[in-house]
Structures are given as structure tokens and as C-alpha cells.
Amino acid sequence: GWFLCVFYAVISITFKAKEFLKEEAWKMHFAEYGQGICMYRTEKTRDLALKGIPENMRGELWLLLSGAINEMVTHAGYYEDLVEKSMGKYNLATEEIERDLHRSLPEHPAFQNEMGIAALRRVLTAYAFRNPNIGYCQAMNIVTSVLLLYAKEEEAFWLLVALCERMLPDYYNTRVVGALVDQGVFEELARDYIPQLYDCMQDLGVISTISLSWFLTLFLSVMPFESAVVVVDCFFYEGIKVIFQLALAVLDANVEKLLNCKDDGEAMTVLGRYLDSVTNKDSTLPPIPHLHSLLSDDIGPYPEVDIFRLIRTSYEKFGTIRADLIEQMRFKQRLKVIQTLEDTTKRNVVRTIVTETSFTIDELEELYALFKAEHLTSCYWGGTSNATDRHDPSLPYLEQYRIDFEQFKGMFTLLFPWACGTHSDVLAARLFRLLDENSDSLINFREFVSGLSAACHG
């Protein structure tokens, strides 16, 4: 027992000495380049960030490096108002938040009591009310719980805003479009930088699996906490570029093992065990193993990988990836992702509705394209109702696009057999009211097709 106490005391002294040196280096940097919003960013700033931010300065520097401090200062009192307005309100987002609260960093003492859980609930609920288009998405709880460990509640909220709305755009929505876009970008980067591995990874289907789990949680769900938090330091300084570099470095370090894998399960075990072995020598936190290492039947411990060396290697080998190039690649991938999602939506809608009508699959696909085009036209040229009310991607496929009476009247003239008579407007209005089953002055594709089917086929 005495030996153990001495051992941990020595570790503690070493850790404190390292932390002290890091803090002094940042203080010297502040003295030379300014502190707070007016601080200059230099090559030295990046070097300091990549060496790991001191525990005591993490919250302050995350706010500064991410730009979240600017929004917090210009919106004084906003978070408190939002918490007040959102408390006691219930919707789908708050239900999902409640379900995930106890799965957020459960191994950390801060989230083993009601105080930590309540703070996490307030931040996530406030954000869901600020941005109902996102509401709440799985993985936000993991990231937010880490933000709360180093920042005050209001600061964690504004860091989450920076993350969801600027640094990882469209990541945390129902269709995780941003993450799918970056998955496509990562596939391109893997093909360019690790060509010998690319075909094998595509055959195994591993890239799509890893990129979603790694990117959505910034490695927090796949790496020991004390190592992953260093990745978050780098991310707040340099953005998504760091995550791409690190992901490539992990694949590159495991090329030989991955080439020998026979299926995706084996490949995921190789990568999982590697990530579990990433250690942070500057931390006194005991490493918490992830599921892969517990399930693995490999003999003996996996060799340790130093997080700072891994980050340094990622810069040496893949540091030429530029932020502007990533944005170009994202733009190209976004078009592909959205087209794929739209095609999937169309197929699901047609498959669901084909047995309910007399139309063929081809006819339904054409009608869906027409219905959607009418909706999109009104977004550009205006309509009597708000376009965002009529398109909600979080709804079931059949209800995502809806049209109001003005749009319906245009389609009535085009498609219905009685459109040419003197009473066509009256007929259109009556039919619209009949089809609008929930009386919200909007009709969805199923309601529209049922009316047209009855008119054309009886």
C-alpha cells in the first residue's frame, strides 16, 4: 500500500511539473501575442495546441480557438433565457435527450451524479430549442459531456453551437448529411494517400463504418478519454483537417494488418484495439478500455501508441491536406450525398404507396418528381405558406414534402380531368379540403396521390 502511495505521488508530481511547464509556455505566448479575443495566431500557437492544452486552461482556450467566445460575448443572457423557456417543455428531442443522458461518459465521476446529468440536460435541451432543425442527434451527448468537464454551462453551450453550426456543419441532423459528406471526402483522401489499402477497405466496407463513428464523436467514443481530449484540443485549433489527418494516420499505421483481414469484423477489431492502445503519458487518469479490446481474443497486450507521436506523424505524413481543398471536396460530395438521399426517399415513398393506388411504379415516380418540383419552385418564387413548414426531413418519407392550396391549384390545372371547366377553382378548393385529412392547410404526397387516383381510375 505504502509503495503504491509513493508511486502515485511521484506520478502526480511529474504530471504537475508537466502541466506547470505547459501553463508557463502559454503564459509566455500570451505575454508576446496577447490574450483573449485579441490574441494573434502564430505558428507557435499551433505548436502549443498540438502538444496538448493544460487542464486548467482548456475551457478558456477551446472558447478562444473555436471562436465561440465571440458569440458568447455578443449574446449575453441568451443561454439563461433559452434554459428558462425550454425547461418543462417536452417533444421528441427532449425524449431522446432523456434516454441518452446516462450513456454520456458514464465512467466519469462527473456524470455519476444528478448535478452533472442536470447540467448536460440543460445544455442539450437549450440547444434543441435554439436549433429545431437539428434538435438532438446521438453523439451530441458524448461531445457535450466532454465540453462540460472543462467549461462552464454557458461556455459549453456556445462551444456546442460552434461545433454544430460552423465547425461540423450538418453533422448532427436526422440524416447526418455533413458526416456522410465527410465520409465521401475521407474515401477520396484514403484513395489518394493510402492507395495500397483503398481497394481492400472498400471491399470490406470499413471506411463508411469508421468515418461515422470516429468523426461524429471526434474520436471520443473510440479512444481512451485522456487521449481523445488531446484530439479535441487540436480540432478546436485547426478544424476537421486534423480529424482527417488522424484517421489517415491510424489506417496507415495498420496497413499490413488490414490487408490480411478477411472481413469487416476483423478489420474493425484491428482498428479498435489500436485505438484502445493510444495513451497520453501526460495524464494521470487511468485508461478506460473500450469494447473492442475486451472482446478481442488476441494474446498479450497491444503495444502502446503515444497520442502526441500519432498527432505529430499525422502532420508529417498528411499535413499537406489544406482546408480550402477539403471545402472543394465537400462541395462535390454534398451533391452526391443529397442526390443519393433523395433517390432513397423517392424509392421508399413509391414502395410504400404503390399498393394503395392504381398507378404504376413509373407513374408514381413521375408524380413524385412533379410534386417535389412544385414544392421547390415555391421555395424560390414564393407561396402563401412558409417553405420550411412544408419541408421537414425529420418526418416520415411520405410527409417530408407538402404543398399548400396555391401549389395544389397549379397541379390541379395540369393533372385533373375537370380543370378546364368554369368551376375549376371551386372544385380545386373542395378537393383540397377533402384531401387535407389533418386540416393543416397542407397536403402530403400520399394525400395528393389518393385524390388523383380516385379522379383518374375511380
Protein backbone atom coordinates (compact mmCIF):
# COMPACT_ATOMS: atom_id res chain seq x y z
CA GLY A 1 0.00 0.00 0.00
CA TRP A 2 2.79 2.44 1.00
CA PHE A 3 4.69 1.65 -2.23
CA LEU A 4 1.54 2.33 -4.27
CA CYS A 5 1.02 5.67 -2.49
CA VAL A 6 4.63 6.71 -3.19
CA PHE A 7 4.33 5.53 -6.81
CA TYR A 8 1.18 7.60 -7.42
CA ALA A 9 2.67 10.57 -5.54
CA VAL A 10 5.68 10.50 -7.92
CA ILE A 11 3.34 10.29 -10.93
CA SER A 12 1.30 13.17 -9.52
CA ILE A 13 4.42 15.35 -9.05
CA THR A 14 5.61 14.53 -12.59
CA PHE A 15 2.18 15.35 -14.01
CA LYS A 16 2.02 18.65 -12.09
CA ALA A 17 5.51 19.57 -13.34
CA LYS A 18 4.50 18.91 -16.96
CA GLU A 19 1.27 20.88 -16.51
CA PHE A 20 3.20 23.75 -14.93
CA LEU A 21 5.62 23.88 -17.90
CA LYS A 22 2.71 23.85 -20.37
CA GLU A 23 0.94 26.64 -18.48
CA GLU A 24 4.13 28.73 -18.39
CA ALA A 25 4.61 28.25 -22.15
CA TRP A 26 1.07 29.54 -22.79
CA LYS A 27 1.56 32.48 -20.40
CA MET A 28 4.73 33.47 -22.29
CA HIS A 29 2.76 33.19 -25.54
CA PHE A 30 0.01 35.45 -24.13
CA ALA A 31 2.62 37.98 -22.99
CA GLU A 32 4.05 38.14 -26.50
CA TYR A 33 0.92 37.81 -28.69
CA GLY A 34 -1.93 38.97 -26.45
CA GLN A 35 -4.61 37.07 -24.53
CA GLY A 36 -8.31 36.58 -25.20
CA ILE A 37 -10.13 37.69 -28.35
CA CYS A 38 -7.25 39.97 -29.42
CA MET A 39 -4.63 37.17 -29.38
CA TYR A 40 -2.63 36.71 -32.60
CA ARG A 41 -2.47 33.20 -34.04
CA THR A 42 1.02 32.18 -34.99
CA GLU A 43 2.95 29.01 -35.80
CA LYS A 44 3.81 28.93 -32.07
CA THR A 45 0.09 28.84 -31.17
CA ARG A 46 -0.35 25.72 -33.27
CA ASP A 47 2.71 24.03 -31.75
CA LEU A 48 1.39 24.69 -28.25
CA ALA A 49 -2.11 23.41 -29.14
CA LEU A 50 -0.69 20.22 -30.67
CA LYS A 51 1.32 19.50 -27.52
CA GLY A 52 -1.92 19.38 -25.52
CA ILE A 53 -3.60 22.26 -23.73
CA PRO A 54 -3.10 22.42 -19.92
CA GLU A 55 -6.12 21.08 -17.98
CA ASN A 56 -6.71 24.42 -16.22
CA MET A 57 -6.68 26.40 -19.48
CA ARG A 58 -8.67 24.01 -21.66
CA GLY A 59 -12.09 25.67 -21.34
CA GLU A 60 -10.70 29.17 -21.91
CA LEU A 61 -8.61 28.13 -24.93
CA TRP A 62 -11.34 25.99 -26.55
CA LEU A 63 -13.63 29.04 -26.44
CA LEU A 64 -10.93 31.22 -27.92
CA LEU A 65 -9.62 28.87 -30.63
CA SER A 66 -13.11 27.84 -31.81
CA GLY A 67 -14.39 31.43 -31.97
CA ALA A 68 -17.23 30.52 -29.56
CA ILE A 69 -16.12 33.33 -27.23
CA ASN A 70 -17.19 35.95 -29.81
CA GLU A 71 -20.77 34.66 -29.96
CA MET A 72 -21.00 34.29 -26.19
CA VAL A 73 -19.86 37.87 -25.58
CA THR A 74 -22.25 39.30 -28.20
CA HIS A 75 -25.24 37.29 -26.87
CA ALA A 76 -25.09 37.99 -23.14
CA GLY A 77 -28.02 36.42 -21.25
CA TYR A 78 -29.14 34.39 -24.29
CA TYR A 79 -28.37 30.99 -22.75
CA GLU A 80 -30.19 31.72 -19.46
CA ASP A 81 -33.29 32.87 -21.39
CA LEU A 82 -33.19 29.75 -23.53
CA VAL A 83 -32.89 27.46 -20.49
CA GLU A 84 -35.85 29.22 -18.87
CA LYS A 85 -38.01 28.92 -22.00
CA SER A 86 -37.10 25.29 -22.67
CA MET A 87 -37.42 23.89 -19.13
CA GLY A 88 -40.52 21.75 -18.68
CA LYS A 89 -41.23 21.59 -22.42
CA TYR A 90 -41.43 18.12 -23.96
CA ASN A 91 -41.03 16.94 -27.54
CA LEU A 92 -39.26 14.18 -29.46
CA ALA A 93 -35.83 15.83 -28.93
CA THR A 94 -36.24 16.05 -25.13
CA GLU A 95 -37.35 12.38 -25.02
CA GLU A 96 -34.21 11.33 -26.90
CA ILE A 97 -32.02 13.53 -24.68
CA GLU A 98 -33.51 11.95 -21.55
CA ARG A 99 -32.85 8.46 -22.93
CA ASP A 100 -29.16 9.24 -23.65
CA LEU A 101 -28.22 11.27 -20.55
CA HIS A 102 -26.95 8.29 -18.55
CA ARG A 103 -24.99 6.94 -21.54
CA SER A 104 -22.84 10.06 -21.72
CA LEU A 105 -19.39 9.32 -20.34
CA PRO A 106 -20.86 7.03 -17.60
CA GLU A 107 -17.35 6.07 -16.46
CA HIS A 108 -16.57 9.67 -15.43
CA PRO A 109 -17.46 10.67 -11.83
CA ALA A 110 -18.92 13.99 -13.05
CA PHE A 111 -21.77 12.13 -14.75
CA GLN A 112 -22.42 9.62 -11.99
CA ASN A 113 -24.48 12.15 -10.02
CA GLU A 114 -27.58 14.25 -10.69
CA MET A 115 -25.66 17.55 -10.73
CA GLY A 116 -23.62 16.63 -13.82
CA ILE A 117 -26.60 14.98 -15.52
CA ALA A 118 -28.79 18.08 -14.89
CA ALA A 119 -26.18 20.40 -16.46
CA LEU A 120 -25.93 18.12 -19.51
CA ARG A 121 -29.74 18.04 -19.79
CA ARG A 122 -29.96 21.86 -19.70
CA VAL A 123 -27.28 22.40 -22.37
CA LEU A 124 -28.69 19.78 -24.78
CA THR A 125 -32.31 20.90 -24.28
CA ALA A 126 -31.41 24.58 -24.73
CA TYR A 127 -29.61 23.75 -27.98
CA ALA A 128 -32.54 21.64 -29.23
CA PHE A 129 -34.80 24.69 -28.75
CA ARG A 130 -32.30 27.08 -30.32
CA ASN A 131 -31.96 24.93 -33.44
CA PRO A 132 -35.07 22.75 -34.00
CA ASN A 133 -33.73 21.73 -37.45
CA ILE A 134 -31.11 19.71 -35.58
CA GLY A 135 -32.94 19.25 -32.28
CA TYR A 136 -30.91 16.42 -30.82
CA CYS A 137 -28.78 13.81 -32.51
CA GLN A 138 -26.96 10.86 -30.96
CA ALA A 139 -23.27 11.64 -30.33
CA MET A 140 -24.10 15.22 -29.25
CA ASN A 141 -24.41 13.89 -25.68
CA ILE A 142 -20.87 12.44 -25.71
CA VAL A 143 -19.28 15.60 -27.13
CA THR A 144 -21.27 17.93 -24.83
CA SER A 145 -20.39 15.92 -21.71
CA VAL A 146 -16.69 16.43 -22.51
CA LEU A 147 -17.23 20.16 -23.10
CA LEU A 148 -18.87 20.39 -19.65
CA LEU A 149 -15.83 18.82 -17.97
CA TYR A 150 -13.67 21.78 -18.98
CA ALA A 151 -16.11 24.67 -19.47
CA LYS A 152 -18.97 26.28 -17.56
CA GLU A 153 -22.51 25.53 -18.70
CA GLU A 154 -22.94 28.65 -20.82
CA GLU A 155 -19.48 28.19 -22.34
CA ALA A 156 -20.24 24.54 -23.17
CA PHE A 157 -23.45 25.68 -24.89
CA TRP A 158 -21.61 28.15 -27.14
CA LEU A 159 -18.91 25.56 -27.89
CA LEU A 160 -21.71 23.21 -28.98
CA VAL A 161 -23.12 25.99 -31.19
CA ALA A 162 -19.69 26.48 -32.82
CA LEU A 163 -19.36 22.73 -33.33
CA CYS A 164 -22.81 22.08 -34.82
CA GLU A 165 -23.23 25.24 -36.87
CA ARG A 166 -19.73 26.12 -38.08
CA MET A 167 -17.06 23.51 -37.47
CA LEU A 168 -19.07 20.38 -38.34
CA PRO A 169 -21.92 21.75 -40.49
CA ASP A 170 -24.90 19.39 -40.96
CA TYR A 171 -23.26 16.63 -38.92
CA TYR A 172 -25.88 16.43 -36.20
CA ASN A 173 -29.16 16.31 -38.10
CA THR A 174 -31.54 13.40 -38.70
CA ARG A 175 -29.78 12.34 -41.89
CA VAL A 176 -26.22 13.23 -40.72
CA VAL A 177 -25.63 14.78 -44.17
CA GLY A 178 -22.41 16.52 -43.10
CA ALA A 179 -20.92 13.30 -41.73
CA LEU A 180 -21.87 11.44 -44.93
CA VAL A 181 -20.25 14.23 -46.97
CA ASP A 182 -17.03 13.94 -44.94
CA GLN A 183 -17.19 10.17 -45.28
CA GLY A 184 -17.03 10.69 -49.07
CA VAL A 185 -14.17 13.19 -48.65
CA PHE A 186 -12.30 10.72 -46.42
CA GLU A 187 -12.73 7.96 -49.03
CA GLU A 188 -11.17 10.26 -51.65
CA LEU A 189 -8.29 11.15 -49.32
CA ALA A 190 -7.70 7.47 -48.48
CA ARG A 191 -7.58 6.66 -52.20
CA ASP A 192 -5.03 9.45 -52.83
CA TYR A 193 -2.82 8.97 -49.75
CA ILE A 194 -3.05 5.22 -48.98
CA PRO A 195 -3.80 3.67 -52.41
CA GLN A 196 -2.44 0.24 -51.42
CA LEU A 197 -5.16 -0.02 -48.76
CA TYR A 198 -8.06 1.68 -50.52
CA ASP A 199 -9.44 -1.24 -52.59
CA CYS A 200 -9.24 -3.63 -49.65
CA MET A 201 -11.08 -1.16 -47.36
CA GLN A 202 -13.77 -0.57 -49.99
CA ASP A 203 -14.32 -4.33 -50.39
CA LEU A 204 -14.67 -4.73 -46.63
CA GLY A 205 -16.93 -1.65 -46.37
CA VAL A 206 -14.92 -0.39 -43.41
CA ILE A 207 -14.38 3.26 -44.39
CA SER A 208 -18.07 4.14 -44.12
CA THR A 209 -18.33 2.48 -40.68
CA ILE A 210 -15.24 4.04 -39.14
CA SER A 211 -15.69 7.51 -40.53
CA LEU A 212 -19.14 7.93 -38.99
CA SER A 213 -18.13 6.66 -35.53
CA TRP A 214 -14.78 8.49 -35.50
CA PHE A 215 -15.92 11.82 -36.94
CA LEU A 216 -19.27 12.24 -35.15
CA THR A 217 -17.65 11.96 -31.72
CA LEU A 218 -14.21 13.39 -32.61
CA PHE A 219 -12.64 10.04 -31.58
CA LEU A 220 -14.11 10.39 -28.06
CA SER A 221 -16.11 7.15 -28.40
CA VAL A 222 -13.24 5.05 -29.78
CA MET A 223 -10.13 6.23 -27.95
CA PRO A 224 -9.27 6.38 -24.22
CA PHE A 225 -10.67 9.64 -22.87
CA GLU A 226 -7.35 11.17 -21.78
CA SER A 227 -6.01 10.71 -25.35
CA ALA A 228 -9.17 11.73 -27.20
CA VAL A 229 -9.34 15.04 -25.35
CA VAL A 230 -5.98 15.97 -26.94
CA VAL A 231 -7.60 15.34 -30.34
CA VAL A 232 -10.34 17.80 -29.32
CA ASP A 233 -7.62 20.37 -28.44
CA CYS A 234 -6.22 20.08 -31.97
CA PHE A 235 -9.68 20.09 -33.55
CA PHE A 236 -10.67 23.37 -31.92
CA TYR A 237 -7.46 24.90 -33.27
CA GLU A 238 -7.42 23.51 -36.81
CA GLY A 239 -10.90 22.10 -37.52
CA ILE A 240 -11.82 18.97 -39.49
CA LYS A 241 -8.40 18.83 -41.21
CA VAL A 242 -6.93 17.33 -38.02
CA ILE A 243 -9.60 14.62 -37.87
CA PHE A 244 -8.94 13.61 -41.50
CA GLN A 245 -5.17 13.54 -40.90
CA LEU A 246 -5.51 11.48 -37.76
CA ALA A 247 -7.89 8.99 -39.39
CA LEU A 248 -5.43 8.53 -42.28
CA ALA A 249 -2.54 8.10 -39.82
CA VAL A 250 -4.48 5.36 -37.97
CA LEU A 251 -5.15 3.49 -41.23
CA ASP A 252 -1.54 3.99 -42.37
CA ALA A 253 -0.18 2.54 -39.11
CA ASN A 254 -2.27 -0.60 -39.62
CA VAL A 255 -1.82 -1.21 -43.37
CA GLU A 256 -0.27 -4.69 -43.09
CA LYS A 257 -2.77 -5.98 -40.53
CA LEU A 258 -5.74 -4.58 -42.50
CA LEU A 259 -4.56 -6.14 -45.77
CA ASN A 260 -4.65 -9.55 -44.04
CA CYS A 261 -8.22 -9.11 -42.74
CA LYS A 262 -10.84 -11.41 -44.24
CA ASP A 263 -13.97 -9.47 -43.25
CA ASP A 264 -15.14 -6.15 -41.81
CA GLY A 265 -15.41 -7.56 -38.27
CA GLU A 266 -11.74 -8.50 -38.26
CA ALA A 267 -10.74 -5.08 -39.65
CA MET A 268 -12.83 -3.25 -37.03
CA THR A 269 -11.18 -5.33 -34.26
CA VAL A 270 -7.70 -4.41 -35.56
CA LEU A 271 -8.57 -0.70 -35.61
CA GLY A 272 -10.44 -0.87 -32.30
CA ARG A 273 -7.52 -2.49 -30.49
CA TYR A 274 -5.08 0.01 -32.00
CA LEU A 275 -7.19 2.99 -30.87
CA ASP A 276 -7.58 1.47 -27.40
CA SER A 277 -3.81 1.41 -27.07
CA VAL A 278 -3.42 5.16 -27.74
CA THR A 279 -2.11 6.59 -24.47
CA ASN A 280 -1.46 10.04 -23.05
CA LYS A 281 1.70 9.94 -20.94
CA ASP A 282 0.98 13.45 -19.65
CA SER A 283 -2.24 12.32 -17.95
CA THR A 284 -2.79 10.72 -14.53
CA LEU A 285 -6.26 9.43 -15.47
CA PRO A 286 -6.37 5.62 -15.57
CA PRO A 287 -7.03 4.43 -19.14
CA ILE A 288 -10.54 3.03 -19.66
CA PRO A 289 -10.59 0.23 -22.25
CA HIS A 290 -13.24 0.16 -24.97
CA LEU A 291 -15.34 -2.78 -26.03
CA HIS A 292 -13.05 -3.98 -28.85
CA SER A 293 -10.15 -4.77 -26.53
CA LEU A 294 -12.41 -6.59 -24.09
CA LEU A 295 -13.89 -8.78 -26.83
CA SER A 296 -10.63 -9.42 -28.67
CA ASP A 297 -9.11 -12.87 -28.40
CA ASP A 298 -5.61 -11.68 -29.34
CA ILE A 299 -2.91 -12.86 -26.98
CA GLY A 300 -1.00 -10.30 -24.96
CA PRO A 301 -1.40 -6.52 -24.67
CA TYR A 302 -1.32 -4.32 -27.76
CA PRO A 303 1.80 -2.09 -27.99
CA GLU A 304 1.14 1.40 -26.62
CA VAL A 305 0.84 4.30 -29.06
CA ASP A 306 1.63 7.79 -27.80
CA ILE A 307 -1.11 10.28 -28.77
CA PHE A 308 1.36 13.14 -29.27
CA ARG A 309 3.54 10.99 -31.54
CA LEU A 310 0.44 9.91 -33.50
CA ILE A 311 -0.61 13.55 -34.00
CA ARG A 312 2.94 14.51 -35.00
CA THR A 313 3.04 11.62 -37.51
CA SER A 314 -0.32 12.70 -38.94
CA TYR A 315 1.15 16.16 -39.64
CA GLU A 316 4.39 14.79 -41.08
CA LYS A 317 2.65 12.37 -43.46
CA PHE A 318 -0.66 14.08 -44.22
CA GLY A 319 -0.14 17.73 -43.20
CA THR A 320 -0.30 18.83 -46.85
CA ILE A 321 -4.11 18.45 -46.78
CA ARG A 322 -5.37 22.03 -46.99
CA ALA A 323 -8.61 23.42 -45.54
CA ASP A 324 -9.62 25.03 -48.87
CA LEU A 325 -9.12 21.68 -50.65
CA ILE A 326 -11.36 19.98 -48.08
CA GLU A 327 -14.09 22.59 -48.76
CA GLN A 328 -13.88 21.93 -52.52
CA MET A 329 -14.13 18.18 -51.94
CA ARG A 330 -17.04 18.70 -49.54
CA PHE A 331 -18.95 20.69 -52.16
CA LYS A 332 -18.54 17.92 -54.74
CA GLN A 333 -19.50 15.20 -52.25
CA ARG A 334 -22.53 17.13 -50.97
CA LEU A 335 -24.18 16.96 -54.39
CA LYS A 336 -23.66 13.17 -54.49
CA VAL A 337 -24.89 12.62 -50.93
CA ILE A 338 -28.03 14.72 -51.36
CA GLN A 339 -28.85 13.03 -54.69
CA THR A 340 -28.43 9.59 -53.07
CA LEU A 341 -30.64 10.57 -50.12
CA GLU A 342 -33.31 11.98 -52.45
CA ASP A 343 -33.26 8.82 -54.60
CA THR A 344 -33.65 6.71 -51.45
CA THR A 345 -36.57 8.87 -50.30
CA LYS A 346 -38.28 8.54 -53.68
CA ARG A 347 -37.86 4.74 -53.73
CA ASN A 348 -39.23 4.42 -50.19
CA VAL A 349 -42.22 6.66 -50.93
CA VAL A 350 -43.12 4.79 -54.12
CA ARG A 351 -42.67 1.37 -52.50
CA THR A 352 -44.91 2.37 -49.57
CA ILE A 353 -47.69 3.82 -51.68
CA VAL A 354 -47.79 1.59 -54.78
CA THR A 355 -50.23 -0.93 -53.26
CA GLU A 356 -52.66 1.83 -52.24
CA THR A 357 -53.23 3.32 -55.71
CA SER A 358 -53.93 2.32 -59.30
CA PHE A 359 -50.77 3.99 -60.59
CA THR A 360 -47.72 2.05 -61.77
CA ILE A 361 -44.27 2.50 -60.19
CA ASP A 362 -43.10 4.60 -63.17
CA GLU A 363 -46.18 6.85 -62.95
CA LEU A 364 -45.70 7.31 -59.20
CA GLU A 365 -42.03 8.24 -59.71
CA GLU A 366 -43.04 10.88 -62.27
CA LEU A 367 -45.77 12.23 -59.98
CA TYR A 368 -43.32 12.38 -57.06
CA ALA A 369 -40.82 14.34 -59.19
CA LEU A 370 -43.61 16.74 -60.22
CA PHE A 371 -44.86 17.13 -56.64
CA LYS A 372 -41.34 17.82 -55.36
CA ALA A 373 -40.63 20.25 -58.22
CA GLU A 374 -43.78 22.21 -57.32
CA HIS A 375 -42.57 22.43 -53.73
CA LEU A 376 -39.06 23.55 -54.75
CA THR A 377 -40.41 26.12 -57.24
CA SER A 378 -42.45 27.72 -54.48
CA CYS A 379 -39.33 27.92 -52.28
CA TYR A 380 -37.71 30.13 -54.92
CA TRP A 381 -40.73 32.03 -56.20
CA GLY A 382 -42.77 32.22 -53.02
CA GLY A 383 -46.06 30.76 -51.88
CA THR A 384 -48.79 31.56 -49.40
CA SER A 385 -47.17 29.48 -46.64
CA ASN A 386 -43.65 29.25 -45.25
CA ALA A 387 -41.45 26.85 -47.28
CA THR A 388 -39.80 25.48 -44.13
CA ASP A 389 -43.23 24.48 -42.80
CA ARG A 390 -43.77 22.39 -45.92
CA HIS A 391 -40.45 20.52 -45.91
CA ASP A 392 -39.30 18.69 -42.81
CA PRO A 393 -36.66 15.96 -43.40
CA SER A 394 -37.22 14.61 -39.87
CA LEU A 395 -40.76 13.49 -40.80
CA PRO A 396 -41.56 10.07 -42.31
CA TYR A 397 -40.73 9.86 -46.03
CA LEU A 398 -44.34 10.35 -47.20
CA GLU A 399 -44.75 13.58 -45.26
CA GLN A 400 -41.44 15.30 -45.99
CA TYR A 401 -42.73 17.41 -48.89
CA ARG A 402 -46.10 19.14 -48.56
CA ILE A 403 -47.90 21.66 -50.74
CA ASP A 404 -50.41 24.40 -49.90
CA PHE A 405 -53.57 25.30 -51.81
CA GLU A 406 -51.90 27.69 -54.30
CA GLN A 407 -49.46 24.98 -55.36
CA PHE A 408 -52.21 22.35 -55.44
CA LYS A 409 -54.29 24.60 -57.73
CA GLY A 410 -51.43 24.68 -60.25
CA MET A 411 -51.13 20.89 -60.22
CA PHE A 412 -54.93 20.51 -60.34
CA THR A 413 -54.97 22.52 -63.59
CA LEU A 414 -52.20 20.34 -65.00
CA LEU A 415 -53.38 16.86 -64.00
CA PHE A 416 -57.05 16.62 -63.03
CA PRO A 417 -59.75 15.90 -65.67
CA TRP A 418 -62.11 18.69 -64.55
CA ALA A 419 -59.58 21.51 -64.66
CA CYS A 420 -60.95 23.23 -67.77
CA GLY A 421 -64.49 23.99 -66.56
CA THR A 422 -65.87 27.30 -65.29
CA HIS A 423 -65.99 25.98 -61.72
CA SER A 424 -62.47 24.56 -61.65
CA ASP A 425 -61.33 26.86 -58.80
CA VAL A 426 -64.28 25.84 -56.62
CA LEU A 427 -63.67 22.15 -57.40
CA ALA A 428 -59.95 22.53 -56.63
CA ALA A 429 -60.73 24.18 -53.26
CA ARG A 430 -63.25 21.47 -52.30
CA LEU A 431 -60.92 18.65 -53.34
CA PHE A 432 -58.03 20.24 -51.41
CA ARG A 433 -60.18 20.42 -48.25
CA LEU A 434 -61.24 16.81 -48.75
CA LEU A 435 -57.65 15.57 -49.15
CA ASP A 436 -56.29 17.65 -46.25
CA GLU A 437 -57.11 14.98 -43.66
CA ASN A 438 -55.50 16.73 -40.67
CA SER A 439 -56.77 20.22 -41.67
CA ASP A 440 -53.32 21.85 -41.54
CA SER A 441 -53.86 23.58 -44.94
CA LEU A 442 -51.11 21.38 -46.42
CA ILE A 443 -51.31 18.04 -48.23
CA ASN A 444 -48.57 15.44 -48.46
CA PHE A 445 -47.76 13.15 -51.38
CA ARG A 446 -49.94 10.26 -50.16
CA GLU A 447 -52.99 12.55 -49.81
CA PHE A 448 -52.32 14.06 -53.24
CA VAL A 449 -51.95 10.67 -54.97
CA SER A 450 -55.07 9.22 -53.34
CA GLY A 451 -57.13 12.12 -54.74
CA LEU A 452 -55.61 11.88 -58.20
CA SER A 453 -56.00 8.09 -58.25
CA ALA A 454 -59.70 8.37 -57.35
CA ALA A 455 -60.21 11.01 -60.05
CA CYS A 456 -58.36 9.14 -62.81
CA HIS A 457 -59.12 5.49 -62.01
CA GLY A 458 -62.20 5.62 -59.82
